[in-house]
Amino acid sequence: MKTKLLAVITALFLSNSVMNATNGAGESTESQIQKQLTLPSLNATTPMNEVVKIDVLFTTDENGKVDLAIANTNDPLLKKEIEKTFMKLTLKNTKPNVCYGITLKLITI
């Protein structure tokens, strides 16, 4: 059975205060992630309506492009998709080579 995952950012744990900064448009890094983060429908092993929290660690390069992403989950397909999606993100107000972390709250629907 195919399920859809709804990703909601619930908390940020930060290595410094850069994530709360805003870029020239006044948009926070958290908002940038919420706008850019999309997960496709997956054959997830999570039961329907169950909430799963997944920690993601990532770094960015000098241009804000995510160059490393590591998701902490026991579901290998979900891990692969989250990491692949994060690698497509560009976050303008991050420092290069600093490890940032975020907790995603995923709900299967």
C-alpha atoms as a PDB file:
ATOM      1  CA  MET A   1       0.000   0.000   0.000  1.00  0.00           C
ATOM      2  CA  LYS A   2       1.310   3.420  -0.921  1.00  0.00           C
ATOM      3  CA  THR A   3       1.230   6.086   1.751  1.00  0.00           C
ATOM      4  CA  LYS A   4       1.890   9.798   1.676  1.00  0.00           C
ATOM      5  CA  LEU A   5       4.139  11.450   4.199  1.00  0.00           C
ATOM      6  CA  LEU A   6       3.356  14.918   5.468  1.00  0.00           C
ATOM      7  CA  ALA A   7       6.518  16.630   6.669  1.00  0.00           C
ATOM      8  CA  VAL A   8       6.229  19.255   9.356  1.00  0.00           C
ATOM      9  CA  ILE A   9       9.224  20.953  10.900  1.00  0.00           C
ATOM     10  CA  THR A  10       8.663  20.858  14.636  1.00  0.00           C
ATOM     11  CA  ALA A  11      11.949  21.880  16.200  1.00  0.00           C
ATOM     12  CA  LEU A  12      15.431  23.037  15.390  1.00  0.00           C
ATOM     13  CA  PHE A  13      18.512  22.182  17.364  1.00  0.00           C
ATOM     14  CA  LEU A  14      21.325  24.421  16.278  1.00  0.00           C
ATOM     15  CA  SER A  15      25.070  24.580  16.443  1.00  0.00           C
ATOM     16  CA  ASN A  16      24.786  28.389  16.489  1.00  0.00           C
ATOM     17  CA  SER A  17      22.208  31.146  16.027  1.00  0.00           C
ATOM     18  CA  VAL A  18      22.623  31.444  12.248  1.00  0.00           C
ATOM     19  CA  MET A  19      19.482  29.378  11.590  1.00  0.00           C
ATOM     20  CA  ASN A  20      17.339  32.086  13.189  1.00  0.00           C
ATOM     21  CA  ALA A  21      18.843  34.786  11.000  1.00  0.00           C
ATOM     22  CA  THR A  22      17.031  36.078   7.964  1.00  0.00           C
ATOM     23  CA  ASN A  23      18.220  36.559   4.434  1.00  0.00           C
ATOM     24  CA  GLY A  24      17.749  39.796   2.453  1.00  0.00           C
ATOM     25  CA  ALA A  25      14.072  38.978   1.889  1.00  0.00           C
ATOM     26  CA  GLY A  26      13.504  38.623   5.637  1.00  0.00           C
ATOM     27  CA  GLU A  27      12.967  34.873   5.382  1.00  0.00           C
ATOM     28  CA  SER A  28      14.318  32.632   8.153  1.00  0.00           C
ATOM     29  CA  THR A  29      16.215  29.444   7.399  1.00  0.00           C
ATOM     30  CA  GLU A  30      13.400  27.449   8.992  1.00  0.00           C
ATOM     31  CA  SER A  31      10.936  29.038   6.528  1.00  0.00           C
ATOM     32  CA  GLN A  32      13.272  28.296   3.622  1.00  0.00           C
ATOM     33  CA  ILE A  33      13.400  24.620   4.624  1.00  0.00           C
ATOM     34  CA  GLN A  34       9.615  24.434   5.022  1.00  0.00           C
ATOM     35  CA  LYS A  35       9.102  25.911   1.542  1.00  0.00           C
ATOM     36  CA  GLN A  36      11.674  23.746  -0.212  1.00  0.00           C
ATOM     37  CA  LEU A  37      11.223  20.415   1.576  1.00  0.00           C
ATOM     38  CA  THR A  38       8.926  17.994  -0.230  1.00  0.00           C
ATOM     39  CA  LEU A  39       8.764  14.231   0.111  1.00  0.00           C
ATOM     40  CA  PRO A  40       7.191  12.023  -2.552  1.00  0.00           C
ATOM     41  CA  SER A  41       4.683   9.290  -1.846  1.00  0.00           C
ATOM     42  CA  LEU A  42       6.558   6.292  -0.521  1.00  0.00           C
ATOM     43  CA  ASN A  43       5.900   2.694   0.316  1.00  0.00           C
ATOM     44  CA  ALA A  44       6.701   3.510   3.917  1.00  0.00           C
ATOM     45  CA  THR A  45       6.792   0.889   6.629  1.00  0.00           C
ATOM     46  CA  THR A  46       5.186   3.299   9.103  1.00  0.00           C
ATOM     47  CA  PRO A  47       1.533   2.494   9.971  1.00  0.00           C
ATOM     48  CA  MET A  48      -1.153   4.997   8.949  1.00  0.00           C
ATOM     49  CA  ASN A  49      -1.567   8.127  11.118  1.00  0.00           C
ATOM     50  CA  GLU A  50       1.575   7.365  13.090  1.00  0.00           C
ATOM     51  CA  VAL A  51       3.889  10.260  13.910  1.00  0.00           C
ATOM     52  CA  VAL A  52       7.613   9.703  13.424  1.00  0.00           C
ATOM     53  CA  LYS A  53      10.321  12.164  14.431  1.00  0.00           C
ATOM     54  CA  ILE A  54      13.474  12.098  12.324  1.00  0.00           C
ATOM     55  CA  ASP A  55      16.633  14.041  13.120  1.00  0.00           C
ATOM     56  CA  VAL A  56      18.545  15.344  10.108  1.00  0.00           C
ATOM     57  CA  LEU A  57      22.088  16.708  10.273  1.00  0.00           C
ATOM     58  CA  PHE A  58      23.357  18.767   7.342  1.00  0.00           C
ATOM     59  CA  THR A  59      26.099  21.120   6.200  1.00  0.00           C
ATOM     60  CA  THR A  60      26.163  23.723   3.442  1.00  0.00           C
ATOM     61  CA  ASP A  61      28.798  25.121   1.104  1.00  0.00           C
ATOM     62  CA  GLU A  62      29.758  28.783   0.562  1.00  0.00           C
ATOM     63  CA  ASN A  63      26.634  29.352  -1.573  1.00  0.00           C
ATOM     64  CA  GLY A  64      24.209  27.826   0.944  1.00  0.00           C
ATOM     65  CA  LYS A  65      23.727  24.604  -1.055  1.00  0.00           C
ATOM     66  CA  VAL A  66      23.406  21.562   1.208  1.00  0.00           C
ATOM     67  CA  ASP A  67      26.469  19.394   0.576  1.00  0.00           C
ATOM     68  CA  LEU A  68      25.944  16.707   3.237  1.00  0.00           C
ATOM     69  CA  ALA A  69      22.738  15.349   4.786  1.00  0.00           C
ATOM     70  CA  ILE A  70      22.301  12.473   7.235  1.00  0.00           C
ATOM     71  CA  ALA A  71      18.837  11.353   8.355  1.00  0.00           C
ATOM     72  CA  ASN A  72      18.421   9.211  11.469  1.00  0.00           C
ATOM     73  CA  THR A  73      15.673   6.661  10.803  1.00  0.00           C
ATOM     74  CA  ASN A  74      15.332   2.866  10.700  1.00  0.00           C
ATOM     75  CA  ASP A  75      13.397   3.010   7.403  1.00  0.00           C
ATOM     76  CA  PRO A  76      16.049   2.797   4.630  1.00  0.00           C
ATOM     77  CA  LEU A  77      13.716   4.118   1.896  1.00  0.00           C
ATOM     78  CA  LEU A  78      12.647   7.088   3.993  1.00  0.00           C
ATOM     79  CA  LYS A  79      16.268   7.801   4.947  1.00  0.00           C
ATOM     80  CA  LYS A  80      17.314   7.805   1.291  1.00  0.00           C
ATOM     81  CA  GLU A  81      14.462  10.107   0.220  1.00  0.00           C
ATOM     82  CA  ILE A  82      15.001  12.627   3.036  1.00  0.00           C
ATOM     83  CA  GLU A  83      18.735  12.778   2.369  1.00  0.00           C
ATOM     84  CA  LYS A  84      18.179  13.119  -1.393  1.00  0.00           C
ATOM     85  CA  THR A  85      15.634  15.895  -0.842  1.00  0.00           C
ATOM     86  CA  PHE A  86      17.902  17.787   1.573  1.00  0.00           C
ATOM     87  CA  MET A  87      20.749  17.655  -0.964  1.00  0.00           C
ATOM     88  CA  LYS A  88      18.558  19.752  -3.307  1.00  0.00           C
ATOM     89  CA  LEU A  89      18.065  22.565  -0.761  1.00  0.00           C
ATOM     90  CA  THR A  90      19.793  25.941  -0.856  1.00  0.00           C
ATOM     91  CA  LEU A  91      19.718  27.872   2.433  1.00  0.00           C
ATOM     92  CA  LYS A  92      21.010  31.396   2.020  1.00  0.00           C
ATOM     93  CA  ASN A  93      21.766  32.372   5.630  1.00  0.00           C
ATOM     94  CA  THR A  94      23.903  29.439   6.722  1.00  0.00           C
ATOM     95  CA  LYS A  95      27.647  29.341   7.238  1.00  0.00           C
ATOM     96  CA  PRO A  96      29.714  26.901   5.182  1.00  0.00           C
ATOM     97  CA  ASN A  97      31.056  23.744   6.822  1.00  0.00           C
ATOM     98  CA  VAL A  98      28.949  24.139   9.984  1.00  0.00           C
ATOM     99  CA  CYS A  99      26.835  21.180  11.058  1.00  0.00           C
ATOM    100  CA  TYR A 100      23.159  22.079  11.515  1.00  0.00           C
ATOM    101  CA  GLY A 101      20.387  19.847  12.771  1.00  0.00           C
ATOM    102  CA  ILE A 102      16.648  19.773  12.408  1.00  0.00           C
ATOM    103  CA  THR A 103      13.907  17.470  13.666  1.00  0.00           C
ATOM    104  CA  LEU A 104      11.201  16.554  11.166  1.00  0.00           C
ATOM    105  CA  LYS A 105       7.808  15.348  12.301  1.00  0.00           C
ATOM    106  CA  LEU A 106       6.391  12.971   9.686  1.00  0.00           C
ATOM    107  CA  ILE A 107       2.783  11.826   9.653  1.00  0.00           C
ATOM    108  CA  THR A 108       1.626   9.070   7.322  1.00  0.00           C
ATOM    109  CA  ILE A 109      -1.700   9.857   5.681  1.00  0.00           C
END
